[in-house]
Amino acid sequence: MTTRLSCRDVERLTLMGEDRELAAGERRLVDDHRRDCGRCRAFAADRVAIRAEAAALDWPEPPDALVRKTRQMFRESAAGAGPAPLPAWVLVAMALVAVATGLWLAISLAGVTPDMTLADLSLAGLAAVLIIIQNALMLLFAPVVLRKVRGRRSASESA
């Protein structure tokens, strides 16, 4: 069974092919369609001509005053745009959870000696070890997650 592309699909893939290399299957489908469609051949030729003309243009340099003013505006906006502070209740809740977890870990691991293995630990001791591993992973991945969330939030606010 062969897949036929519409002219709109070929135009979309032609434009995508300007930014990235098309997969072999996509390239074959586009070439097969263009062989039979003069409109899509003309579209591809027009895109080649447009890109060649744009590349040949001698773009003017912006005035130095404009460059300095633009850079100054970026520096000023970047200086004031820091991450939003956490609300106080979140910090208090995090502190309470940390204290409670610390106390529970201290009680659960009170009888642990250096020569013990995981098999020797009680259920509470194993749970304590799992919590320690969980906290280590959270500390490792929290900055990545926070950066993504804040990036999405700032992108939705700017849109």
C-alpha atoms as a PDB file:
ATOM      1  CA  MET A   1       0.000   0.000   0.000  1.00  0.00           C
ATOM      2  CA  THR A   2       1.468   3.354  -1.007  1.00  0.00           C
ATOM      3  CA  THR A   3       0.853   6.574   0.823  1.00  0.00           C
ATOM      4  CA  ARG A   4      -0.174   9.552  -1.266  1.00  0.00           C
ATOM      5  CA  LEU A   5       0.551  13.017  -0.003  1.00  0.00           C
ATOM      6  CA  SER A   6      -1.602  16.064  -0.622  1.00  0.00           C
ATOM      7  CA  CYS A   7      -0.059  19.224  -2.033  1.00  0.00           C
ATOM      8  CA  ARG A   8      -0.420  20.812   1.386  1.00  0.00           C
ATOM      9  CA  ASP A   9       1.580  17.973   2.973  1.00  0.00           C
ATOM     10  CA  VAL A  10       4.291  18.321   0.329  1.00  0.00           C
ATOM     11  CA  GLU A  11       4.489  22.081   0.922  1.00  0.00           C
ATOM     12  CA  ARG A  12       4.782  21.501   4.681  1.00  0.00           C
ATOM     13  CA  LEU A  13       7.525  18.893   4.185  1.00  0.00           C
ATOM     14  CA  THR A  14       9.313  21.178   1.712  1.00  0.00           C
ATOM     15  CA  LEU A  15       9.409  23.942   4.307  1.00  0.00           C
ATOM     16  CA  MET A  16      10.500  21.488   7.014  1.00  0.00           C
ATOM     17  CA  GLY A  17      13.255  20.265   4.688  1.00  0.00           C
ATOM     18  CA  GLU A  18      14.734  23.767   4.687  1.00  0.00           C
ATOM     19  CA  ASP A  19      15.373  23.524   8.431  1.00  0.00           C
ATOM     20  CA  ARG A  20      16.289  19.862   8.802  1.00  0.00           C
ATOM     21  CA  GLU A  21      17.141  16.841   6.693  1.00  0.00           C
ATOM     22  CA  LEU A  22      13.994  14.911   5.807  1.00  0.00           C
ATOM     23  CA  ALA A  23      13.874  11.209   6.606  1.00  0.00           C
ATOM     24  CA  ALA A  24      14.424   8.896   3.657  1.00  0.00           C
ATOM     25  CA  GLY A  25      10.742   7.889   3.551  1.00  0.00           C
ATOM     26  CA  GLU A  26       9.589  11.514   3.641  1.00  0.00           C
ATOM     27  CA  ARG A  27      12.064  12.497   0.925  1.00  0.00           C
ATOM     28  CA  ARG A  28      10.875   9.608  -1.289  1.00  0.00           C
ATOM     29  CA  LEU A  29       7.204  10.536  -0.844  1.00  0.00           C
ATOM     30  CA  VAL A  30       7.904  14.196  -1.636  1.00  0.00           C
ATOM     31  CA  ASP A  31       9.945  13.305  -4.715  1.00  0.00           C
ATOM     32  CA  ASP A  32       7.242  10.907  -5.950  1.00  0.00           C
ATOM     33  CA  HIS A  33       4.570  13.569  -5.528  1.00  0.00           C
ATOM     34  CA  ARG A  34       6.625  16.299  -7.228  1.00  0.00           C
ATOM     35  CA  ARG A  35       7.267  14.031 -10.203  1.00  0.00           C
ATOM     36  CA  ASP A  36       3.528  14.087 -10.943  1.00  0.00           C
ATOM     37  CA  CYS A  37       2.602  17.570  -9.635  1.00  0.00           C
ATOM     38  CA  GLY A  38       3.758  20.681 -11.475  1.00  0.00           C
ATOM     39  CA  ARG A  39       2.323  22.963  -8.788  1.00  0.00           C
ATOM     40  CA  CYS A  40       4.526  21.406  -6.077  1.00  0.00           C
ATOM     41  CA  ARG A  41       7.579  21.440  -8.380  1.00  0.00           C
ATOM     42  CA  ALA A  42       6.991  25.163  -8.920  1.00  0.00           C
ATOM     43  CA  PHE A  43       6.573  25.709  -5.159  1.00  0.00           C
ATOM     44  CA  ALA A  44       9.913  23.970  -4.468  1.00  0.00           C
ATOM     45  CA  ALA A  45      11.635  25.985  -7.206  1.00  0.00           C
ATOM     46  CA  ASP A  46      10.189  29.222  -5.792  1.00  0.00           C
ATOM     47  CA  ARG A  47      11.472  28.339  -2.310  1.00  0.00           C
ATOM     48  CA  VAL A  48      14.973  27.686  -3.705  1.00  0.00           C
ATOM     49  CA  ALA A  49      14.892  31.041  -5.526  1.00  0.00           C
ATOM     50  CA  ILE A  50      13.657  32.906  -2.428  1.00  0.00           C
ATOM     51  CA  ARG A  51      16.376  31.412  -0.241  1.00  0.00           C
ATOM     52  CA  ALA A  52      19.059  32.179  -2.818  1.00  0.00           C
ATOM     53  CA  GLU A  53      17.906  35.799  -3.142  1.00  0.00           C
ATOM     54  CA  ALA A  54      17.716  36.253   0.625  1.00  0.00           C
ATOM     55  CA  ALA A  55      21.221  34.825   1.040  1.00  0.00           C
ATOM     56  CA  ALA A  56      22.572  37.192  -1.623  1.00  0.00           C
ATOM     57  CA  LEU A  57      21.147  40.319   0.044  1.00  0.00           C
ATOM     58  CA  ASP A  58      23.555  42.714   1.705  1.00  0.00           C
ATOM     59  CA  TRP A  59      21.820  43.215   5.032  1.00  0.00           C
ATOM     60  CA  PRO A  60      22.525  46.628   6.574  1.00  0.00           C
ATOM     61  CA  GLU A  61      24.252  46.862   9.942  1.00  0.00           C
ATOM     62  CA  PRO A  62      22.113  48.421  12.666  1.00  0.00           C
ATOM     63  CA  PRO A  63      23.338  51.748  14.040  1.00  0.00           C
ATOM     64  CA  ASP A  64      25.691  51.464  17.018  1.00  0.00           C
ATOM     65  CA  ALA A  65      23.367  53.546  19.198  1.00  0.00           C
ATOM     66  CA  LEU A  66      20.519  51.083  18.568  1.00  0.00           C
ATOM     67  CA  VAL A  67      22.745  48.106  19.415  1.00  0.00           C
ATOM     68  CA  ARG A  68      23.906  49.736  22.672  1.00  0.00           C
ATOM     69  CA  LYS A  69      20.370  50.737  23.672  1.00  0.00           C
ATOM     70  CA  THR A  70      19.017  47.241  22.932  1.00  0.00           C
ATOM     71  CA  ARG A  71      21.779  45.544  24.930  1.00  0.00           C
ATOM     72  CA  GLN A  72      21.192  47.946  27.833  1.00  0.00           C
ATOM     73  CA  MET A  73      17.456  47.146  27.802  1.00  0.00           C
ATOM     74  CA  PHE A  74      18.203  43.398  27.874  1.00  0.00           C
ATOM     75  CA  ARG A  75      20.624  43.815  30.786  1.00  0.00           C
ATOM     76  CA  GLU A  76      18.086  45.867  32.744  1.00  0.00           C
ATOM     77  CA  SER A  77      15.256  43.422  32.121  1.00  0.00           C
ATOM     78  CA  ALA A  78      17.466  40.436  33.003  1.00  0.00           C
ATOM     79  CA  ALA A  79      18.630  42.058  36.237  1.00  0.00           C
ATOM     80  CA  GLY A  80      15.076  42.490  37.535  1.00  0.00           C
ATOM     81  CA  ALA A  81      13.757  39.165  36.293  1.00  0.00           C
ATOM     82  CA  GLY A  82      14.760  36.599  38.878  1.00  0.00           C
ATOM     83  CA  PRO A  83      12.903  33.483  39.869  1.00  0.00           C
ATOM     84  CA  ALA A  84       9.732  34.120  41.831  1.00  0.00           C
ATOM     85  CA  PRO A  85      10.266  33.645  45.573  1.00  0.00           C
ATOM     86  CA  LEU A  86       8.518  30.763  47.276  1.00  0.00           C
ATOM     87  CA  PRO A  87       5.593  31.723  49.507  1.00  0.00           C
ATOM     88  CA  ALA A  88       6.321  31.627  53.243  1.00  0.00           C
ATOM     89  CA  TRP A  89       3.810  28.824  53.893  1.00  0.00           C
ATOM     90  CA  VAL A  90       5.656  26.581  51.421  1.00  0.00           C
ATOM     91  CA  LEU A  91       8.946  27.180  53.222  1.00  0.00           C
ATOM     92  CA  VAL A  92       7.329  26.472  56.618  1.00  0.00           C
ATOM     93  CA  ALA A  93       5.708  23.270  55.304  1.00  0.00           C
ATOM     94  CA  MET A  94       9.018  22.106  53.837  1.00  0.00           C
ATOM     95  CA  ALA A  95      10.799  22.802  57.134  1.00  0.00           C
ATOM     96  CA  LEU A  96       8.183  20.858  59.118  1.00  0.00           C
ATOM     97  CA  VAL A  97       8.386  17.879  56.770  1.00  0.00           C
ATOM     98  CA  ALA A  98      12.195  17.950  56.948  1.00  0.00           C
ATOM     99  CA  VAL A  99      12.169  18.009  60.758  1.00  0.00           C
ATOM    100  CA  ALA A 100       9.556  15.238  61.009  1.00  0.00           C
ATOM    101  CA  THR A 101      11.426  13.097  58.488  1.00  0.00           C
ATOM    102  CA  GLY A 102      14.716  13.682  60.293  1.00  0.00           C
ATOM    103  CA  LEU A 103      13.264  12.632  63.638  1.00  0.00           C
ATOM    104  CA  TRP A 104      11.646   9.538  62.139  1.00  0.00           C
ATOM    105  CA  LEU A 105      14.908   8.592  60.391  1.00  0.00           C
ATOM    106  CA  ALA A 106      16.881   9.037  63.618  1.00  0.00           C
ATOM    107  CA  ILE A 107      14.460   6.800  65.530  1.00  0.00           C
ATOM    108  CA  SER A 108      14.255   4.183  62.750  1.00  0.00           C
ATOM    109  CA  LEU A 109      17.998   3.941  62.221  1.00  0.00           C
ATOM    110  CA  ALA A 110      19.044   4.195  65.896  1.00  0.00           C
ATOM    111  CA  GLY A 111      20.133   0.558  66.132  1.00  0.00           C
ATOM    112  CA  VAL A 112      22.013   0.379  62.818  1.00  0.00           C
ATOM    113  CA  THR A 113      25.677  -0.572  63.024  1.00  0.00           C
ATOM    114  CA  PRO A 114      28.304  -0.438  60.262  1.00  0.00           C
ATOM    115  CA  ASP A 115      28.420  -4.246  59.922  1.00  0.00           C
ATOM    116  CA  MET A 116      24.663  -4.579  59.180  1.00  0.00           C
ATOM    117  CA  THR A 117      23.289  -5.313  55.709  1.00  0.00           C
ATOM    118  CA  LEU A 118      19.946  -4.310  54.230  1.00  0.00           C
ATOM    119  CA  ALA A 119      18.600  -7.771  55.028  1.00  0.00           C
ATOM    120  CA  ASP A 120      19.296  -7.155  58.733  1.00  0.00           C
ATOM    121  CA  LEU A 121      17.209  -3.952  58.864  1.00  0.00           C
ATOM    122  CA  SER A 122      13.678  -3.812  60.172  1.00  0.00           C
ATOM    123  CA  LEU A 123      10.827  -2.676  57.941  1.00  0.00           C
ATOM    124  CA  ALA A 124      11.083   0.837  59.400  1.00  0.00           C
ATOM    125  CA  GLY A 125      14.823   0.840  58.721  1.00  0.00           C
ATOM    126  CA  LEU A 126      14.289  -0.195  55.095  1.00  0.00           C
ATOM    127  CA  ALA A 127      11.668   2.540  54.723  1.00  0.00           C
ATOM    128  CA  ALA A 128      14.169   5.027  56.147  1.00  0.00           C
ATOM    129  CA  VAL A 129      16.798   3.977  53.599  1.00  0.00           C
ATOM    130  CA  LEU A 130      14.250   4.360  50.798  1.00  0.00           C
ATOM    131  CA  ILE A 131      13.379   7.848  52.029  1.00  0.00           C
ATOM    132  CA  ILE A 132      17.057   8.790  52.053  1.00  0.00           C
ATOM    133  CA  ILE A 133      17.372   7.564  48.442  1.00  0.00           C
ATOM    134  CA  GLN A 134      14.176   9.430  47.480  1.00  0.00           C
ATOM    135  CA  ASN A 135      15.468  12.663  49.010  1.00  0.00           C
ATOM    136  CA  ALA A 136      18.775  12.309  47.189  1.00  0.00           C
ATOM    137  CA  LEU A 137      16.952  11.862  43.880  1.00  0.00           C
ATOM    138  CA  MET A 138      14.689  14.833  44.607  1.00  0.00           C
ATOM    139  CA  LEU A 139      17.711  17.015  45.315  1.00  0.00           C
ATOM    140  CA  LEU A 140      19.232  15.852  42.048  1.00  0.00           C
ATOM    141  CA  PHE A 141      16.173  16.417  39.840  1.00  0.00           C
ATOM    142  CA  ALA A 142      14.379  19.319  41.580  1.00  0.00           C
ATOM    143  CA  PRO A 143      16.379  22.062  39.803  1.00  0.00           C
ATOM    144  CA  VAL A 144      15.565  20.546  36.409  1.00  0.00           C
ATOM    145  CA  VAL A 145      11.855  20.273  37.180  1.00  0.00           C
ATOM    146  CA  LEU A 146      11.680  23.792  38.629  1.00  0.00           C
ATOM    147  CA  ARG A 147      13.460  25.239  35.587  1.00  0.00           C
ATOM    148  CA  LYS A 148      10.993  23.525  33.239  1.00  0.00           C
ATOM    149  CA  VAL A 149       7.943  24.669  35.223  1.00  0.00           C
ATOM    150  CA  ARG A 150       9.177  28.240  35.447  1.00  0.00           C
ATOM    151  CA  GLY A 151      10.040  28.199  31.728  1.00  0.00           C
ATOM    152  CA  ARG A 152       6.549  27.024  30.824  1.00  0.00           C
ATOM    153  CA  ARG A 153       4.994  29.585  33.165  1.00  0.00           C
ATOM    154  CA  SER A 154       7.022  32.464  31.710  1.00  0.00           C
ATOM    155  CA  ALA A 155       6.284  31.275  28.164  1.00  0.00           C
ATOM    156  CA  SER A 156       2.542  31.193  28.855  1.00  0.00           C
ATOM    157  CA  GLU A 157       2.674  34.635  30.494  1.00  0.00           C
ATOM    158  CA  SER A 158       4.524  36.165  27.559  1.00  0.00           C
ATOM    159  CA  ALA A 159       2.135  34.641  25.005  1.00  0.00           C
END
